[in-house]
Amino acid sequence: DNTYDARFQNVKFSGMHADDPLTTVGNSTNCVKMTSTP
């Protein structure tokens, strides 16, 4: 959120999705979610 100049190197973002995303929409969880404000 509202971040600048950040670096992630050799990082794994692992979630636990209960459903197959190809057949079920699920709850829209993300490995990485980015937001910004003016």
PDB file of all heavy atoms in Angstrom:
ATOM      1  N   ASP A   1       0.832  -1.200   0.000  1.00  0.00           N
ATOM      2  CA  ASP A   1       0.000   0.000   0.000  1.00  0.00           C
ATOM      3  C   ASP A   1       0.867   1.249   0.000  1.00  0.00           C
ATOM      4  O   ASP A   1       1.793   1.376   0.807  1.00  0.00           O
ATOM      5  CB  ASP A   1      -0.860   0.064   1.276  1.00  0.00           C
ATOM      6  CG  ASP A   1      -1.944  -0.989   1.335  1.00  0.00           C
ATOM      7  OD1 ASP A   1      -2.629  -1.184   0.328  1.00  0.00           O
ATOM      8  OD2 ASP A   1      -2.101  -1.603   2.405  1.00  0.00           O
ATOM      9  N   ASN A   2       0.546   2.183  -0.881  1.00  0.00           N
ATOM     10  CA  ASN A   2       1.148   3.518  -0.843  1.00  0.00           C
ATOM     11  C   ASN A   2       2.663   3.461  -0.653  1.00  0.00           C
ATOM     12  O   ASN A   2       3.225   4.136   0.210  1.00  0.00           O
ATOM     13  CB  ASN A   2       0.509   4.341   0.284  1.00  0.00           C
ATOM     14  CG  ASN A   2      -1.000   4.356   0.192  1.00  0.00           C
ATOM     15  OD1 ASN A   2      -1.651   3.451   0.697  1.00  0.00           O
ATOM     16  ND2 ASN A   2      -1.553   5.344  -0.467  1.00  0.00           N
ATOM     17  N   THR A   3       3.322   2.667  -1.445  1.00  0.00           N
ATOM     18  CA  THR A   3       4.741   2.360  -1.268  1.00  0.00           C
ATOM     19  C   THR A   3       5.533   2.761  -2.503  1.00  0.00           C
ATOM     20  O   THR A   3       5.046   2.615  -3.619  1.00  0.00           O
ATOM     21  CB  THR A   3       4.911   0.844  -1.024  1.00  0.00           C
ATOM     22  OG1 THR A   3       4.159   0.477   0.134  1.00  0.00           O
ATOM     23  CG2 THR A   3       6.362   0.457  -0.835  1.00  0.00           C
ATOM     24  N   TYR A   4       6.755   3.227  -2.293  1.00  0.00           N
ATOM     25  CA  TYR A   4       7.637   3.462  -3.426  1.00  0.00           C
ATOM     26  C   TYR A   4       9.036   2.931  -3.126  1.00  0.00           C
ATOM     27  O   TYR A   4       9.441   2.826  -1.984  1.00  0.00           O
ATOM     28  CB  TYR A   4       7.691   4.950  -3.810  1.00  0.00           C
ATOM     29  CG  TYR A   4       8.301   5.873  -2.792  1.00  0.00           C
ATOM     30  CD1 TYR A   4       9.657   6.190  -2.837  1.00  0.00           C
ATOM     31  CD2 TYR A   4       7.526   6.450  -1.791  1.00  0.00           C
ATOM     32  CE1 TYR A   4      10.225   7.051  -1.904  1.00  0.00           C
ATOM     33  CE2 TYR A   4       8.080   7.302  -0.867  1.00  0.00           C
ATOM     34  CZ  TYR A   4       9.430   7.607  -0.927  1.00  0.00           C
ATOM     35  OH  TYR A   4       9.984   8.451  -0.001  1.00  0.00           O
ATOM     36  N   ASP A   5       9.723   2.563  -4.183  1.00  0.00           N
ATOM     37  CA  ASP A   5      11.082   2.029  -4.128  1.00  0.00           C
ATOM     38  C   ASP A   5      11.178   0.802  -3.215  1.00  0.00           C
ATOM     39  O   ASP A   5      11.786   0.841  -2.150  1.00  0.00           O
ATOM     40  CB  ASP A   5      12.066   3.111  -3.677  1.00  0.00           C
ATOM     41  CG  ASP A   5      13.515   2.700  -3.930  1.00  0.00           C
ATOM     42  OD1 ASP A   5      13.736   1.733  -4.689  1.00  0.00           O
ATOM     43  OD2 ASP A   5      14.415   3.324  -3.365  1.00  0.00           O
ATOM     44  N   ALA A   6      10.580  -0.286  -3.667  1.00  0.00           N
ATOM     45  CA  ALA A   6      10.651  -1.559  -2.941  1.00  0.00           C
ATOM     46  C   ALA A   6      11.135  -2.640  -3.898  1.00  0.00           C
ATOM     47  O   ALA A   6      10.748  -2.662  -5.069  1.00  0.00           O
ATOM     48  CB  ALA A   6       9.294  -1.933  -2.366  1.00  0.00           C
ATOM     49  N   ARG A   7      11.979  -3.516  -3.389  1.00  0.00           N
ATOM     50  CA  ARG A   7      12.535  -4.594  -4.214  1.00  0.00           C
ATOM     51  C   ARG A   7      12.367  -5.927  -3.492  1.00  0.00           C
ATOM     52  O   ARG A   7      12.729  -6.059  -2.322  1.00  0.00           O
ATOM     53  CB  ARG A   7      14.005  -4.341  -4.504  1.00  0.00           C
ATOM     54  CG  ARG A   7      14.637  -5.386  -5.404  1.00  0.00           C
ATOM     55  CD  ARG A   7      16.100  -5.053  -5.691  1.00  0.00           C
ATOM     56  NE  ARG A   7      16.645  -5.952  -6.680  1.00  0.00           N
ATOM     57  CZ  ARG A   7      16.619  -5.756  -7.983  1.00  0.00           C
ATOM     58  NH1 ARG A   7      16.067  -4.664  -8.462  1.00  0.00           N
ATOM     59  NH2 ARG A   7      17.137  -6.632  -8.816  1.00  0.00           N
ATOM     60  N   PHE A   8      11.816  -6.901  -4.212  1.00  0.00           N
ATOM     61  CA  PHE A   8      11.675  -8.265  -3.728  1.00  0.00           C
ATOM     62  C   PHE A   8      12.533  -9.141  -4.628  1.00  0.00           C
ATOM     63  O   PHE A   8      12.316  -9.184  -5.838  1.00  0.00           O
ATOM     64  CB  PHE A   8      10.215  -8.712  -3.785  1.00  0.00           C
ATOM     65  CG  PHE A   8       9.301  -7.901  -2.895  1.00  0.00           C
ATOM     66  CD1 PHE A   8       8.777  -6.691  -3.338  1.00  0.00           C
ATOM     67  CD2 PHE A   8       8.975  -8.348  -1.632  1.00  0.00           C
ATOM     68  CE1 PHE A   8       7.943  -5.940  -2.526  1.00  0.00           C
ATOM     69  CE2 PHE A   8       8.145  -7.599  -0.810  1.00  0.00           C
ATOM     70  CZ  PHE A   8       7.629  -6.397  -1.260  1.00  0.00           C
ATOM     71  N   GLN A   9      13.511  -9.817  -4.055  1.00  0.00           N
ATOM     72  CA  GLN A   9      14.405 -10.649  -4.850  1.00  0.00           C
ATOM     73  C   GLN A   9      14.442 -12.061  -4.292  1.00  0.00           C
ATOM     74  O   GLN A   9      14.637 -12.259  -3.084  1.00  0.00           O
ATOM     75  CB  GLN A   9      15.817 -10.061  -4.855  1.00  0.00           C
ATOM     76  CG  GLN A   9      16.751 -10.811  -5.775  1.00  0.00           C
ATOM     77  CD  GLN A   9      18.037 -10.041  -6.032  1.00  0.00           C
ATOM     78  OE1 GLN A   9      18.214  -8.914  -5.586  1.00  0.00           O
ATOM     79  NE2 GLN A   9      18.933 -10.646  -6.773  1.00  0.00           N
ATOM     80  N   ASN A  10      14.244 -13.048  -5.186  1.00  0.00           N
ATOM     81  CA  ASN A  10      14.220 -14.453  -4.787  1.00  0.00           C
ATOM     82  C   ASN A  10      13.219 -14.669  -3.645  1.00  0.00           C
ATOM     83  O   ASN A  10      13.531 -15.252  -2.620  1.00  0.00           O
ATOM     84  CB  ASN A  10      15.619 -14.934  -4.391  1.00  0.00           C
ATOM     85  CG  ASN A  10      15.666 -16.421  -4.119  1.00  0.00           C
ATOM     86  OD1 ASN A  10      14.859 -17.186  -4.632  1.00  0.00           O
ATOM     87  ND2 ASN A  10      16.591 -16.837  -3.270  1.00  0.00           N
ATOM     88  N   VAL A  11      12.016 -14.135  -3.835  1.00  0.00           N
ATOM     89  CA  VAL A  11      10.944 -14.260  -2.845  1.00  0.00           C
ATOM     90  C   VAL A  11       9.832 -15.096  -3.453  1.00  0.00           C
ATOM     91  O   VAL A  11       9.485 -14.926  -4.622  1.00  0.00           O
ATOM     92  CB  VAL A  11      10.406 -12.876  -2.413  1.00  0.00           C
ATOM     93  CG1 VAL A  11       9.181 -13.010  -1.519  1.00  0.00           C
ATOM     94  CG2 VAL A  11      11.498 -12.071  -1.707  1.00  0.00           C
ATOM     95  N   LYS A  12       9.283 -15.991  -2.662  1.00  0.00           N
ATOM     96  CA  LYS A  12       8.148 -16.797  -3.103  1.00  0.00           C
ATOM     97  C   LYS A  12       6.918 -16.341  -2.323  1.00  0.00           C
ATOM     98  O   LYS A  12       6.963 -16.196  -1.103  1.00  0.00           O
ATOM     99  CB  LYS A  12       8.401 -18.286  -2.866  1.00  0.00           C
ATOM    100  CG  LYS A  12       7.299 -19.177  -3.406  1.00  0.00           C
ATOM    101  CD  LYS A  12       7.578 -20.648  -3.113  1.00  0.00           C
ATOM    102  CE  LYS A  12       8.327 -21.269  -4.236  1.00  0.00           C
ATOM    103  NZ  LYS A  12       8.437 -22.740  -4.079  1.00  0.00           N
ATOM    104  N   PHE A  13       5.831 -16.103  -3.049  1.00  0.00           N
ATOM    105  CA  PHE A  13       4.552 -15.732  -2.462  1.00  0.00           C
ATOM    106  C   PHE A  13       3.621 -16.920  -2.661  1.00  0.00           C
ATOM    107  O   PHE A  13       3.197 -17.189  -3.785  1.00  0.00           O
ATOM    108  CB  PHE A  13       3.996 -14.479  -3.129  1.00  0.00           C
ATOM    109  CG  PHE A  13       4.910 -13.282  -3.060  1.00  0.00           C
ATOM    110  CD1 PHE A  13       5.794 -13.017  -4.093  1.00  0.00           C
ATOM    111  CD2 PHE A  13       4.898 -12.444  -1.962  1.00  0.00           C
ATOM    112  CE1 PHE A  13       6.644 -11.919  -4.039  1.00  0.00           C
ATOM    113  CE2 PHE A  13       5.742 -11.349  -1.897  1.00  0.00           C
ATOM    114  CZ  PHE A  13       6.618 -11.082  -2.937  1.00  0.00           C
ATOM    115  N   SER A  14       3.325 -17.643  -1.596  1.00  0.00           N
ATOM    116  CA  SER A  14       2.568 -18.891  -1.689  1.00  0.00           C
ATOM    117  C   SER A  14       1.226 -18.766  -0.974  1.00  0.00           C
ATOM    118  O   SER A  14       1.180 -18.488   0.222  1.00  0.00           O
ATOM    119  CB  SER A  14       3.357 -20.041  -1.057  1.00  0.00           C
ATOM    120  OG  SER A  14       4.618 -20.174  -1.656  1.00  0.00           O
ATOM    121  N   GLY A  15       0.157 -18.994  -1.700  1.00  0.00           N
ATOM    122  CA  GLY A  15      -1.168 -18.961  -1.100  1.00  0.00           C
ATOM    123  C   GLY A  15      -1.728 -20.360  -0.956  1.00  0.00           C
ATOM    124  O   GLY A  15      -1.079 -21.361  -1.265  1.00  0.00           O
ATOM    125  N   MET A  16      -2.960 -20.418  -0.468  1.00  0.00           N
ATOM    126  CA  MET A  16      -3.631 -21.704  -0.293  1.00  0.00           C
ATOM    127  C   MET A  16      -5.040 -21.569  -0.852  1.00  0.00           C
ATOM    128  O   MET A  16      -5.972 -21.230  -0.152  1.00  0.00           O
ATOM    129  CB  MET A  16      -3.679 -22.070   1.193  1.00  0.00           C
ATOM    130  CG  MET A  16      -3.962 -23.532   1.490  1.00  0.00           C
ATOM    131  SD  MET A  16      -5.618 -24.130   1.139  1.00  0.00           S
ATOM    132  CE  MET A  16      -6.605 -23.259   2.318  1.00  0.00           C
ATOM    133  N   HIS A  17      -5.147 -21.751  -2.153  1.00  0.00           N
ATOM    134  CA  HIS A  17      -6.449 -21.641  -2.791  1.00  0.00           C
ATOM    135  C   HIS A  17      -7.171 -22.974  -2.667  1.00  0.00           C
ATOM    136  O   HIS A  17      -6.651 -24.009  -3.075  1.00  0.00           O
ATOM    137  CB  HIS A  17      -6.294 -21.257  -4.260  1.00  0.00           C
ATOM    138  CG  HIS A  17      -7.561 -20.756  -4.860  1.00  0.00           C
ATOM    139  ND1 HIS A  17      -8.641 -21.562  -5.084  1.00  0.00           N
ATOM    140  CD2 HIS A  17      -7.925 -19.531  -5.260  1.00  0.00           C
ATOM    141  CE1 HIS A  17      -9.611 -20.858  -5.607  1.00  0.00           C
ATOM    142  NE2 HIS A  17      -9.206 -19.614  -5.728  1.00  0.00           N
ATOM    143  N   ALA A  18      -8.385 -22.926  -2.114  1.00  0.00           N
ATOM    144  CA  ALA A  18      -9.139 -24.146  -1.870  1.00  0.00           C
ATOM    145  C   ALA A  18      -9.782 -24.705  -3.139  1.00  0.00           C
ATOM    146  O   ALA A  18     -10.127 -25.877  -3.192  1.00  0.00           O
ATOM    147  CB  ALA A  18     -10.218 -23.883  -0.823  1.00  0.00           C
ATOM    148  N   ASP A  19      -9.961 -23.872  -4.160  1.00  0.00           N
ATOM    149  CA  ASP A  19     -10.643 -24.308  -5.379  1.00  0.00           C
ATOM    150  C   ASP A  19      -9.728 -24.146  -6.583  1.00  0.00           C
ATOM    151  O   ASP A  19      -8.778 -23.375  -6.570  1.00  0.00           O
ATOM    152  CB  ASP A  19     -11.912 -23.475  -5.601  1.00  0.00           C
ATOM    153  CG  ASP A  19     -12.893 -23.618  -4.451  1.00  0.00           C
ATOM    154  OD1 ASP A  19     -13.174 -24.755  -4.066  1.00  0.00           O
ATOM    155  OD2 ASP A  19     -13.355 -22.582  -3.943  1.00  0.00           O
ATOM    156  N   ASP A  20     -10.041 -24.855  -7.651  1.00  0.00           N
ATOM    157  CA  ASP A  20      -9.317 -24.719  -8.904  1.00  0.00           C
ATOM    158  C   ASP A  20      -9.723 -23.388  -9.547  1.00  0.00           C
ATOM    159  O   ASP A  20     -10.885 -23.203  -9.888  1.00  0.00           O
ATOM    160  CB  ASP A  20      -9.672 -25.886  -9.837  1.00  0.00           C
ATOM    161  CG  ASP A  20      -8.945 -25.814 -11.166  1.00  0.00           C
ATOM    162  OD1 ASP A  20      -8.273 -24.788 -11.439  1.00  0.00           O
ATOM    163  OD2 ASP A  20      -9.046 -26.779 -11.929  1.00  0.00           O
ATOM    164  N   PRO A  21      -8.792 -22.440  -9.729  1.00  0.00           N
ATOM    165  CA  PRO A  21      -9.169 -21.140 -10.281  1.00  0.00           C
ATOM    166  C   PRO A  21      -9.676 -21.209 -11.715  1.00  0.00           C
ATOM    167  O   PRO A  21     -10.299 -20.273 -12.194  1.00  0.00           O
ATOM    168  CB  PRO A  21      -7.878 -20.322 -10.189  1.00  0.00           C
ATOM    169  CG  PRO A  21      -6.787 -21.307 -10.058  1.00  0.00           C
ATOM    170  CD  PRO A  21      -7.374 -22.518  -9.404  1.00  0.00           C
ATOM    171  N   LEU A  22      -9.447 -22.321 -12.413  1.00  0.00           N
ATOM    172  CA  LEU A  22      -9.946 -22.442 -13.775  1.00  0.00           C
ATOM    173  C   LEU A  22     -11.421 -22.816 -13.816  1.00  0.00           C
ATOM    174  O   LEU A  22     -12.095 -22.585 -14.811  1.00  0.00           O
ATOM    175  CB  LEU A  22      -9.128 -23.485 -14.547  1.00  0.00           C
ATOM    176  CG  LEU A  22      -7.639 -23.162 -14.711  1.00  0.00           C
ATOM    177  CD1 LEU A  22      -6.934 -24.312 -15.415  1.00  0.00           C
ATOM    178  CD2 LEU A  22      -7.453 -21.870 -15.474  1.00  0.00           C
ATOM    179  N   THR A  23     -11.938 -23.386 -12.732  1.00  0.00           N
ATOM    180  CA  THR A  23     -13.340 -23.796 -12.724  1.00  0.00           C
ATOM    181  C   THR A  23     -14.174 -23.053 -11.688  1.00  0.00           C
ATOM    182  O   THR A  23     -15.388 -23.031 -11.774  1.00  0.00           O
ATOM    183  CB  THR A  23     -13.450 -25.306 -12.431  1.00  0.00           C
ATOM    184  OG1 THR A  23     -12.853 -25.586 -11.158  1.00  0.00           O
ATOM    185  CG2 THR A  23     -12.752 -26.123 -13.504  1.00  0.00           C
ATOM    186  N   THR A  24     -13.538 -22.435 -10.697  1.00  0.00           N
ATOM    187  CA  THR A  24     -14.251 -21.741  -9.637  1.00  0.00           C
ATOM    188  C   THR A  24     -13.644 -20.359  -9.454  1.00  0.00           C
ATOM    189  O   THR A  24     -12.430 -20.222  -9.362  1.00  0.00           O
ATOM    190  CB  THR A  24     -14.137 -22.518  -8.313  1.00  0.00           C
ATOM    191  OG1 THR A  24     -14.575 -23.859  -8.547  1.00  0.00           O
ATOM    192  CG2 THR A  24     -14.989 -21.894  -7.229  1.00  0.00           C
ATOM    193  N   VAL A  25     -14.493 -19.347  -9.380  1.00  0.00           N
ATOM    194  CA  VAL A  25     -13.990 -17.988  -9.233  1.00  0.00           C
ATOM    195  C   VAL A  25     -13.285 -17.811  -7.898  1.00  0.00           C
ATOM    196  O   VAL A  25     -12.259 -17.160  -7.805  1.00  0.00           O
ATOM    197  CB  VAL A  25     -15.138 -16.961  -9.373  1.00  0.00           C
ATOM    198  CG1 VAL A  25     -14.645 -15.560  -9.071  1.00  0.00           C
ATOM    199  CG2 VAL A  25     -15.701 -17.022 -10.776  1.00  0.00           C
ATOM    200  N   GLY A  26     -13.797 -18.392  -6.835  1.00  0.00           N
ATOM    201  CA  GLY A  26     -13.158 -18.252  -5.527  1.00  0.00           C
ATOM    202  C   GLY A  26     -13.387 -16.876  -4.933  1.00  0.00           C
ATOM    203  O   GLY A  26     -14.280 -16.145  -5.329  1.00  0.00           O
ATOM    204  N   ASN A  27     -12.554 -16.502  -3.973  1.00  0.00           N
ATOM    205  CA  ASN A  27     -12.777 -15.232  -3.281  1.00  0.00           C
ATOM    206  C   ASN A  27     -11.787 -14.147  -3.695  1.00  0.00           C
ATOM    207  O   ASN A  27     -11.590 -13.173  -2.988  1.00  0.00           O
ATOM    208  CB  ASN A  27     -12.730 -15.438  -1.766  1.00  0.00           C
ATOM    209  CG  ASN A  27     -11.348 -15.853  -1.292  1.00  0.00           C
ATOM    210  OD1 ASN A  27     -10.422 -15.972  -2.068  1.00  0.00           O
ATOM    211  ND2 ASN A  27     -11.228 -16.075   0.006  1.00  0.00           N
ATOM    212  N   SER A  28     -11.118 -14.303  -4.814  1.00  0.00           N
ATOM    213  CA  SER A  28     -10.230 -13.293  -5.377  1.00  0.00           C
ATOM    214  C   SER A  28      -9.039 -12.961  -4.487  1.00  0.00           C
ATOM    215  O   SER A  28      -8.667 -11.813  -4.336  1.00  0.00           O
ATOM    216  CB  SER A  28     -11.011 -12.010  -5.701  1.00  0.00           C
ATOM    217  OG  SER A  28     -12.023 -12.282  -6.622  1.00  0.00           O
ATOM    218  N   THR A  29      -8.441 -13.950  -3.887  1.00  0.00           N
ATOM    219  CA  THR A  29      -7.229 -13.696  -3.110  1.00  0.00           C
ATOM    220  C   THR A  29      -6.045 -13.531  -4.061  1.00  0.00           C
ATOM    221  O   THR A  29      -6.074 -13.996  -5.193  1.00  0.00           O
ATOM    222  CB  THR A  29      -6.934 -14.835  -2.117  1.00  0.00           C
ATOM    223  OG1 THR A  29      -6.789 -16.055  -2.847  1.00  0.00           O
ATOM    224  CG2 THR A  29      -8.047 -14.965  -1.097  1.00  0.00           C
ATOM    225  N   ASN A  30      -5.009 -12.853  -3.562  1.00  0.00           N
ATOM    226  CA  ASN A  30      -3.871 -12.523  -4.398  1.00  0.00           C
ATOM    227  C   ASN A  30      -2.569 -12.909  -3.716  1.00  0.00           C
ATOM    228  O   ASN A  30      -2.456 -12.832  -2.501  1.00  0.00           O
ATOM    229  CB  ASN A  30      -3.823 -11.013  -4.652  1.00  0.00           C
ATOM    230  CG  ASN A  30      -5.158 -10.450  -5.053  1.00  0.00           C
ATOM    231  OD1 ASN A  30      -5.670 -10.773  -6.101  1.00  0.00           O
ATOM    232  ND2 ASN A  30      -5.732  -9.615  -4.206  1.00  0.00           N
ATOM    233  N   CYS A  31      -1.584 -13.269  -4.526  1.00  0.00           N
ATOM    234  CA  CYS A  31      -0.244 -13.410  -3.970  1.00  0.00           C
ATOM    235  C   CYS A  31       0.255 -12.041  -3.541  1.00  0.00           C
ATOM    236  O   CYS A  31       0.739 -11.861  -2.428  1.00  0.00           O
ATOM    237  CB  CYS A  31       0.707 -14.003  -5.003  1.00  0.00           C
ATOM    238  SG  CYS A  31       0.546 -15.782  -5.211  1.00  0.00           S
ATOM    239  N   VAL A  32       0.123 -11.056  -4.426  1.00  0.00           N
ATOM    240  CA  VAL A  32       0.505  -9.681  -4.109  1.00  0.00           C
ATOM    241  C   VAL A  32      -0.604  -8.758  -4.575  1.00  0.00           C
ATOM    242  O   VAL A  32      -1.024  -8.789  -5.729  1.00  0.00           O
ATOM    243  CB  VAL A  32       1.832  -9.282  -4.792  1.00  0.00           C
ATOM    244  CG1 VAL A  32       2.158  -7.820  -4.501  1.00  0.00           C
ATOM    245  CG2 VAL A  32       2.969 -10.178  -4.340  1.00  0.00           C
ATOM    246  N   LYS A  33      -1.084  -7.916  -3.663  1.00  0.00           N
ATOM    247  CA  LYS A  33      -2.096  -6.908  -3.975  1.00  0.00           C
ATOM    248  C   LYS A  33      -1.458  -5.541  -3.778  1.00  0.00           C
ATOM    249  O   LYS A  33      -0.872  -5.271  -2.735  1.00  0.00           O
ATOM    250  CB  LYS A  33      -3.308  -7.067  -3.058  1.00  0.00           C
ATOM    251  CG  LYS A  33      -4.386  -6.035  -3.291  1.00  0.00           C
ATOM    252  CD  LYS A  33      -5.565  -6.240  -2.353  1.00  0.00           C
ATOM    253  CE  LYS A  33      -6.615  -5.176  -2.583  1.00  0.00           C
ATOM    254  NZ  LYS A  33      -7.755  -5.339  -1.668  1.00  0.00           N
ATOM    255  N   MET A  34      -1.558  -4.679  -4.793  1.00  0.00           N
ATOM    256  CA  MET A  34      -0.963  -3.349  -4.722  1.00  0.00           C
ATOM    257  C   MET A  34      -2.050  -2.291  -4.809  1.00  0.00           C
ATOM    258  O   MET A  34      -2.930  -2.373  -5.664  1.00  0.00           O
ATOM    259  CB  MET A  34       0.045  -3.166  -5.847  1.00  0.00           C
ATOM    260  CG  MET A  34       1.175  -4.170  -5.797  1.00  0.00           C
ATOM    261  SD  MET A  34       2.279  -4.088  -7.217  1.00  0.00           S
ATOM    262  CE  MET A  34       3.128  -2.581  -6.856  1.00  0.00           C
ATOM    263  N   THR A  35      -1.981  -1.304  -3.908  1.00  0.00           N
ATOM    264  CA  THR A  35      -2.926  -0.191  -3.928  1.00  0.00           C
ATOM    265  C   THR A  35      -2.165   1.119  -3.858  1.00  0.00           C
ATOM    266  O   THR A  35      -1.001   1.169  -3.462  1.00  0.00           O
ATOM    267  CB  THR A  35      -3.925  -0.268  -2.751  1.00  0.00           C
ATOM    268  OG1 THR A  35      -3.206  -0.118  -1.523  1.00  0.00           O
ATOM    269  CG2 THR A  35      -4.680  -1.576  -2.748  1.00  0.00           C
ATOM    270  N   SER A  36      -2.866   2.193  -4.226  1.00  0.00           N
ATOM    271  CA  SER A  36      -2.246   3.507  -4.277  1.00  0.00           C
ATOM    272  C   SER A  36      -3.316   4.562  -4.055  1.00  0.00           C
ATOM    273  O   SER A  36      -4.490   4.337  -4.331  1.00  0.00           O
ATOM    274  CB  SER A  36      -1.599   3.704  -5.648  1.00  0.00           C
ATOM    275  OG  SER A  36      -0.842   4.877  -5.711  1.00  0.00           O
ATOM    276  N   THR A  37      -2.901   5.724  -3.538  1.00  0.00           N
ATOM    277  CA  THR A  37      -3.795   6.866  -3.410  1.00  0.00           C
ATOM    278  C   THR A  37      -3.106   8.080  -4.028  1.00  0.00           C
ATOM    279  O   THR A  37      -1.871   8.097  -4.146  1.00  0.00           O
ATOM    280  CB  THR A  37      -4.130   7.173  -1.934  1.00  0.00           C
ATOM    281  OG1 THR A  37      -2.920   7.513  -1.240  1.00  0.00           O
ATOM    282  CG2 THR A  37      -4.818   6.005  -1.259  1.00  0.00           C
ATOM    283  N   PRO A  38      -3.856   9.114  -4.419  1.00  0.00           N
ATOM    284  CA  PRO A  38      -3.215  10.301  -4.993  1.00  0.00           C
ATOM    285  C   PRO A  38      -2.206  10.951  -4.035  1.00  0.00           C
ATOM    286  O   PRO A  38      -1.178  11.460  -4.465  1.00  0.00           O
ATOM    287  CB  PRO A  38      -4.389  11.237  -5.265  1.00  0.00           C
ATOM    288  CG  PRO A  38      -5.559  10.327  -5.443  1.00  0.00           C
ATOM    289  CD  PRO A  38      -5.316   9.191  -4.494  1.00  0.00           C
TER     290      PRO A  38
END
